[in-house]
Amino acid sequence: MKWLNIGCGQCINMGAVNLDVAALPGVDVVHDLDVVPWPFADNTFPEVRAVQVFEHVHNPVGFMCEAWRVLKPGGLLWMSVPHYQSENSFTDPTHVRHCTLRTWDYWIEGTALGASHGPAYGGVKFTKRRVEWVGDDIQVELIK
């Protein structure tokens, strides 16, 4: 089963459905992630990967809800973003948010932010496998 490589740019993966906002060579689906719903059926992918993407979207609630929707039950959402203390977080003028280790708590089962604000943030609940600061980035692994 193919996984979803969102915001792939020029990093095309032959084992994935490659999605980007630009019609670059190798991109399978051209779509703006801020436009929901994404053009996939519910429960389609065993894995969704977003490398240096989440910090660019204007609609983070829509992004998280759509990632949850297109993932199969038990599927993995894997992301990496610049940590807010990294120079890389502020260098790119198209970054619209700066992330911390708690940015995803609104969508993680059992967190205080998820309990208090989760319904207003789409109501989807992931299980946290890992949210870790690695080098200049935060790596996120969430299970549907």
C-alpha atoms as a PDB file:
ATOM      1  CA  MET A   1       0.000   0.000   0.000  1.00  0.00           C
ATOM      2  CA  LYS A   2       1.367   3.402  -0.922  1.00  0.00           C
ATOM      3  CA  TRP A   3       1.805   6.104   1.686  1.00  0.00           C
ATOM      4  CA  LEU A   4       1.153   9.847   1.249  1.00  0.00           C
ATOM      5  CA  ASN A   5       4.164  12.146   0.791  1.00  0.00           C
ATOM      6  CA  ILE A   6       2.682  15.618   1.318  1.00  0.00           C
ATOM      7  CA  GLY A   7       4.552  18.757   0.362  1.00  0.00           C
ATOM      8  CA  CYS A   8       7.010  16.561  -1.508  1.00  0.00           C
ATOM      9  CA  GLY A   9       8.519  19.299  -3.684  1.00  0.00           C
ATOM     10  CA  GLN A  10      11.338  17.651  -5.601  1.00  0.00           C
ATOM     11  CA  CYS A  11      11.709  14.808  -3.046  1.00  0.00           C
ATOM     12  CA  ILE A  12       9.701  12.265  -5.023  1.00  0.00           C
ATOM     13  CA  ASN A  13       9.303   8.795  -3.521  1.00  0.00           C
ATOM     14  CA  MET A  14       8.328   5.980  -5.880  1.00  0.00           C
ATOM     15  CA  GLY A  15       6.575   4.083  -3.061  1.00  0.00           C
ATOM     16  CA  ALA A  16       4.289   7.008  -2.266  1.00  0.00           C
ATOM     17  CA  VAL A  17       1.546   9.190  -3.626  1.00  0.00           C
ATOM     18  CA  ASN A  18       3.488  12.451  -3.975  1.00  0.00           C
ATOM     19  CA  LEU A  19       1.446  15.598  -3.297  1.00  0.00           C
ATOM     20  CA  ASP A  20       2.540  19.210  -3.665  1.00  0.00           C
ATOM     21  CA  VAL A  21       1.001  22.613  -4.317  1.00  0.00           C
ATOM     22  CA  ALA A  22       3.252  22.958  -7.391  1.00  0.00           C
ATOM     23  CA  ALA A  23       3.062  20.801 -10.535  1.00  0.00           C
ATOM     24  CA  LEU A  24       6.693  19.679 -10.359  1.00  0.00           C
ATOM     25  CA  PRO A  25       8.103  16.635 -12.163  1.00  0.00           C
ATOM     26  CA  GLY A  26       7.027  13.458 -10.368  1.00  0.00           C
ATOM     27  CA  VAL A  27       4.208  15.061  -8.366  1.00  0.00           C
ATOM     28  CA  ASP A  28       1.162  12.767  -8.557  1.00  0.00           C
ATOM     29  CA  VAL A  29      -1.417  15.109  -7.027  1.00  0.00           C
ATOM     30  CA  VAL A  30      -1.357  18.913  -7.154  1.00  0.00           C
ATOM     31  CA  HIS A  31      -3.324  20.303  -4.212  1.00  0.00           C
ATOM     32  CA  ASP A  32      -3.177  23.161  -1.710  1.00  0.00           C
ATOM     33  CA  LEU A  33      -3.194  21.618   1.781  1.00  0.00           C
ATOM     34  CA  ASP A  34      -5.171  24.578   3.128  1.00  0.00           C
ATOM     35  CA  VAL A  35      -8.092  23.544   0.922  1.00  0.00           C
ATOM     36  CA  VAL A  36     -10.147  20.870   2.639  1.00  0.00           C
ATOM     37  CA  PRO A  37     -11.118  18.196   2.080  1.00  0.00           C
ATOM     38  CA  TRP A  38      -7.961  16.785   0.545  1.00  0.00           C
ATOM     39  CA  PRO A  39      -8.670  14.780  -2.638  1.00  0.00           C
ATOM     40  CA  PHE A  40      -8.544  11.329  -1.021  1.00  0.00           C
ATOM     41  CA  ALA A  41     -11.102   8.978   0.492  1.00  0.00           C
ATOM     42  CA  ASP A  42     -11.300   8.324   4.217  1.00  0.00           C
ATOM     43  CA  ASN A  43      -8.899   5.683   5.614  1.00  0.00           C
ATOM     44  CA  THR A  44      -6.757   5.533   2.466  1.00  0.00           C
ATOM     45  CA  PHE A  45      -3.137   5.586   3.655  1.00  0.00           C
ATOM     46  CA  PRO A  46      -1.157   3.563   6.205  1.00  0.00           C
ATOM     47  CA  GLU A  47       1.229   6.510   6.595  1.00  0.00           C
ATOM     48  CA  VAL A  48       1.276  10.246   5.929  1.00  0.00           C
ATOM     49  CA  ARG A  49       4.639  12.012   5.912  1.00  0.00           C
ATOM     50  CA  ALA A  50       5.154  15.772   5.974  1.00  0.00           C
ATOM     51  CA  VAL A  51       8.767  16.931   5.949  1.00  0.00           C
ATOM     52  CA  GLN A  52       9.100  20.680   6.560  1.00  0.00           C
ATOM     53  CA  VAL A  53       5.432  21.291   5.638  1.00  0.00           C
ATOM     54  CA  PHE A  54       3.307  21.986   8.746  1.00  0.00           C
ATOM     55  CA  GLU A  55       5.001  25.337   9.415  1.00  0.00           C
ATOM     56  CA  HIS A  56       3.805  26.550   5.981  1.00  0.00           C
ATOM     57  CA  VAL A  57       0.067  25.762   6.232  1.00  0.00           C
ATOM     58  CA  HIS A  58      -2.372  28.520   7.133  1.00  0.00           C
ATOM     59  CA  ASN A  59      -5.004  26.066   8.368  1.00  0.00           C
ATOM     60  CA  PRO A  60      -3.329  23.774  10.943  1.00  0.00           C
ATOM     61  CA  VAL A  61      -6.678  22.508  12.250  1.00  0.00           C
ATOM     62  CA  GLY A  62      -7.725  21.502   8.737  1.00  0.00           C
ATOM     63  CA  PHE A  63      -4.318  19.898   8.169  1.00  0.00           C
ATOM     64  CA  MET A  64      -4.532  17.748  11.302  1.00  0.00           C
ATOM     65  CA  CYS A  65      -8.159  16.767  10.687  1.00  0.00           C
ATOM     66  CA  GLU A  66      -7.449  15.817   7.086  1.00  0.00           C
ATOM     67  CA  ALA A  67      -4.314  13.849   7.984  1.00  0.00           C
ATOM     68  CA  TRP A  68      -6.400  11.940  10.544  1.00  0.00           C
ATOM     69  CA  ARG A  69      -9.231  11.405   8.030  1.00  0.00           C
ATOM     70  CA  VAL A  70      -7.064   9.981   5.230  1.00  0.00           C
ATOM     71  CA  LEU A  71      -5.042   7.736   7.567  1.00  0.00           C
ATOM     72  CA  LYS A  72      -6.153   4.146   8.040  1.00  0.00           C
ATOM     73  CA  PRO A  73      -6.911   3.154  11.643  1.00  0.00           C
ATOM     74  CA  GLY A  74      -3.549   2.571  13.320  1.00  0.00           C
ATOM     75  CA  GLY A  75      -1.837   4.649  10.615  1.00  0.00           C
ATOM     76  CA  LEU A  76       1.198   6.847  11.274  1.00  0.00           C
ATOM     77  CA  LEU A  77       1.464  10.608  10.806  1.00  0.00           C
ATOM     78  CA  TRP A  78       5.181  11.454  10.602  1.00  0.00           C
ATOM     79  CA  MET A  79       6.280  15.092  10.491  1.00  0.00           C
ATOM     80  CA  SER A  80       9.384  17.142  10.928  1.00  0.00           C
ATOM     81  CA  VAL A  81       9.386  20.909  11.405  1.00  0.00           C
ATOM     82  CA  PRO A  82      11.985  23.438  12.509  1.00  0.00           C
ATOM     83  CA  HIS A  83      12.075  23.935  16.281  1.00  0.00           C
ATOM     84  CA  TYR A  84      11.123  27.514  17.159  1.00  0.00           C
ATOM     85  CA  GLN A  85      14.583  28.091  18.689  1.00  0.00           C
ATOM     86  CA  SER A  86      16.270  27.170  15.414  1.00  0.00           C
ATOM     87  CA  GLU A  87      17.347  29.934  13.056  1.00  0.00           C
ATOM     88  CA  ASN A  88      15.673  27.875  10.310  1.00  0.00           C
ATOM     89  CA  SER A  89      12.292  28.548  11.889  1.00  0.00           C
ATOM     90  CA  PHE A  90      12.614  32.253  11.128  1.00  0.00           C
ATOM     91  CA  THR A  91      14.758  32.230   7.964  1.00  0.00           C
ATOM     92  CA  ASP A  92      12.050  31.164   5.497  1.00  0.00           C
ATOM     93  CA  PRO A  93       9.592  34.038   4.941  1.00  0.00           C
ATOM     94  CA  THR A  94       6.803  31.570   4.050  1.00  0.00           C
ATOM     95  CA  HIS A  95       6.722  30.020   7.536  1.00  0.00           C
ATOM     96  CA  VAL A  96       3.457  31.009   9.198  1.00  0.00           C
ATOM     97  CA  ARG A  97       4.081  29.308  12.568  1.00  0.00           C
ATOM     98  CA  HIS A  98       6.934  28.382  14.854  1.00  0.00           C
ATOM     99  CA  CYS A  99       6.523  25.042  16.593  1.00  0.00           C
ATOM    100  CA  THR A 100       7.321  23.758  20.066  1.00  0.00           C
ATOM    101  CA  LEU A 101       7.237  20.253  21.500  1.00  0.00           C
ATOM    102  CA  ARG A 102       3.650  20.980  22.634  1.00  0.00           C
ATOM    103  CA  THR A 103       2.257  22.306  19.332  1.00  0.00           C
ATOM    104  CA  TRP A 104       0.446  18.991  18.617  1.00  0.00           C
ATOM    105  CA  ASP A 105      -0.980  18.524  22.123  1.00  0.00           C
ATOM    106  CA  TYR A 106      -4.333  19.876  20.877  1.00  0.00           C
ATOM    107  CA  TRP A 107      -4.696  16.666  18.849  1.00  0.00           C
ATOM    108  CA  ILE A 108      -3.043  14.162  21.230  1.00  0.00           C
ATOM    109  CA  GLU A 109      -5.133  11.926  23.489  1.00  0.00           C
ATOM    110  CA  GLY A 110      -4.553  12.502  27.199  1.00  0.00           C
ATOM    111  CA  THR A 111      -2.942  15.960  27.057  1.00  0.00           C
ATOM    112  CA  ALA A 112      -4.336  18.925  28.980  1.00  0.00           C
ATOM    113  CA  LEU A 113      -4.584  21.011  25.782  1.00  0.00           C
ATOM    114  CA  GLY A 114      -6.324  18.168  23.969  1.00  0.00           C
ATOM    115  CA  ALA A 115      -8.820  17.771  26.796  1.00  0.00           C
ATOM    116  CA  SER A 116      -9.593  21.480  27.130  1.00  0.00           C
ATOM    117  CA  HIS A 117      -9.402  22.619  23.502  1.00  0.00           C
ATOM    118  CA  GLY A 118      -9.550  19.453  21.386  1.00  0.00           C
ATOM    119  CA  PRO A 119     -13.226  19.752  20.384  1.00  0.00           C
ATOM    120  CA  ALA A 120     -12.626  23.287  19.082  1.00  0.00           C
ATOM    121  CA  TYR A 121      -9.572  22.078  17.148  1.00  0.00           C
ATOM    122  CA  GLY A 122     -11.412  19.470  15.083  1.00  0.00           C
ATOM    123  CA  GLY A 123     -11.997  16.848  17.760  1.00  0.00           C
ATOM    124  CA  VAL A 124      -9.541  14.319  16.291  1.00  0.00           C
ATOM    125  CA  LYS A 125      -7.365  12.405  18.726  1.00  0.00           C
ATOM    126  CA  PHE A 126      -4.023  10.851  17.922  1.00  0.00           C
ATOM    127  CA  THR A 127      -1.898   8.692  20.185  1.00  0.00           C
ATOM    128  CA  LYS A 128       1.586  10.079  20.653  1.00  0.00           C
ATOM    129  CA  ARG A 129       4.359   7.723  19.664  1.00  0.00           C
ATOM    130  CA  ARG A 130       7.094  10.363  19.709  1.00  0.00           C
ATOM    131  CA  VAL A 131       7.512  14.149  19.727  1.00  0.00           C
ATOM    132  CA  GLU A 132      11.201  14.914  20.029  1.00  0.00           C
ATOM    133  CA  TRP A 133      13.670  17.740  19.433  1.00  0.00           C
ATOM    134  CA  VAL A 134      16.374  16.392  17.109  1.00  0.00           C
ATOM    135  CA  GLY A 135      19.066  18.834  15.964  1.00  0.00           C
ATOM    136  CA  ASP A 136      17.274  21.907  14.611  1.00  0.00           C
ATOM    137  CA  ASP A 137      13.985  20.070  14.085  1.00  0.00           C
ATOM    138  CA  ILE A 138      11.070  18.563  15.933  1.00  0.00           C
ATOM    139  CA  GLN A 139      10.179  15.050  14.797  1.00  0.00           C
ATOM    140  CA  VAL A 140       6.591  14.006  15.370  1.00  0.00           C
ATOM    141  CA  GLU A 141       5.088  10.508  15.199  1.00  0.00           C
ATOM    142  CA  LEU A 142       1.359  10.246  15.884  1.00  0.00           C
ATOM    143  CA  ILE A 143      -0.877   7.184  15.514  1.00  0.00           C
ATOM    144  CA  LYS A 144      -4.522   7.350  14.428  1.00  0.00           C
END
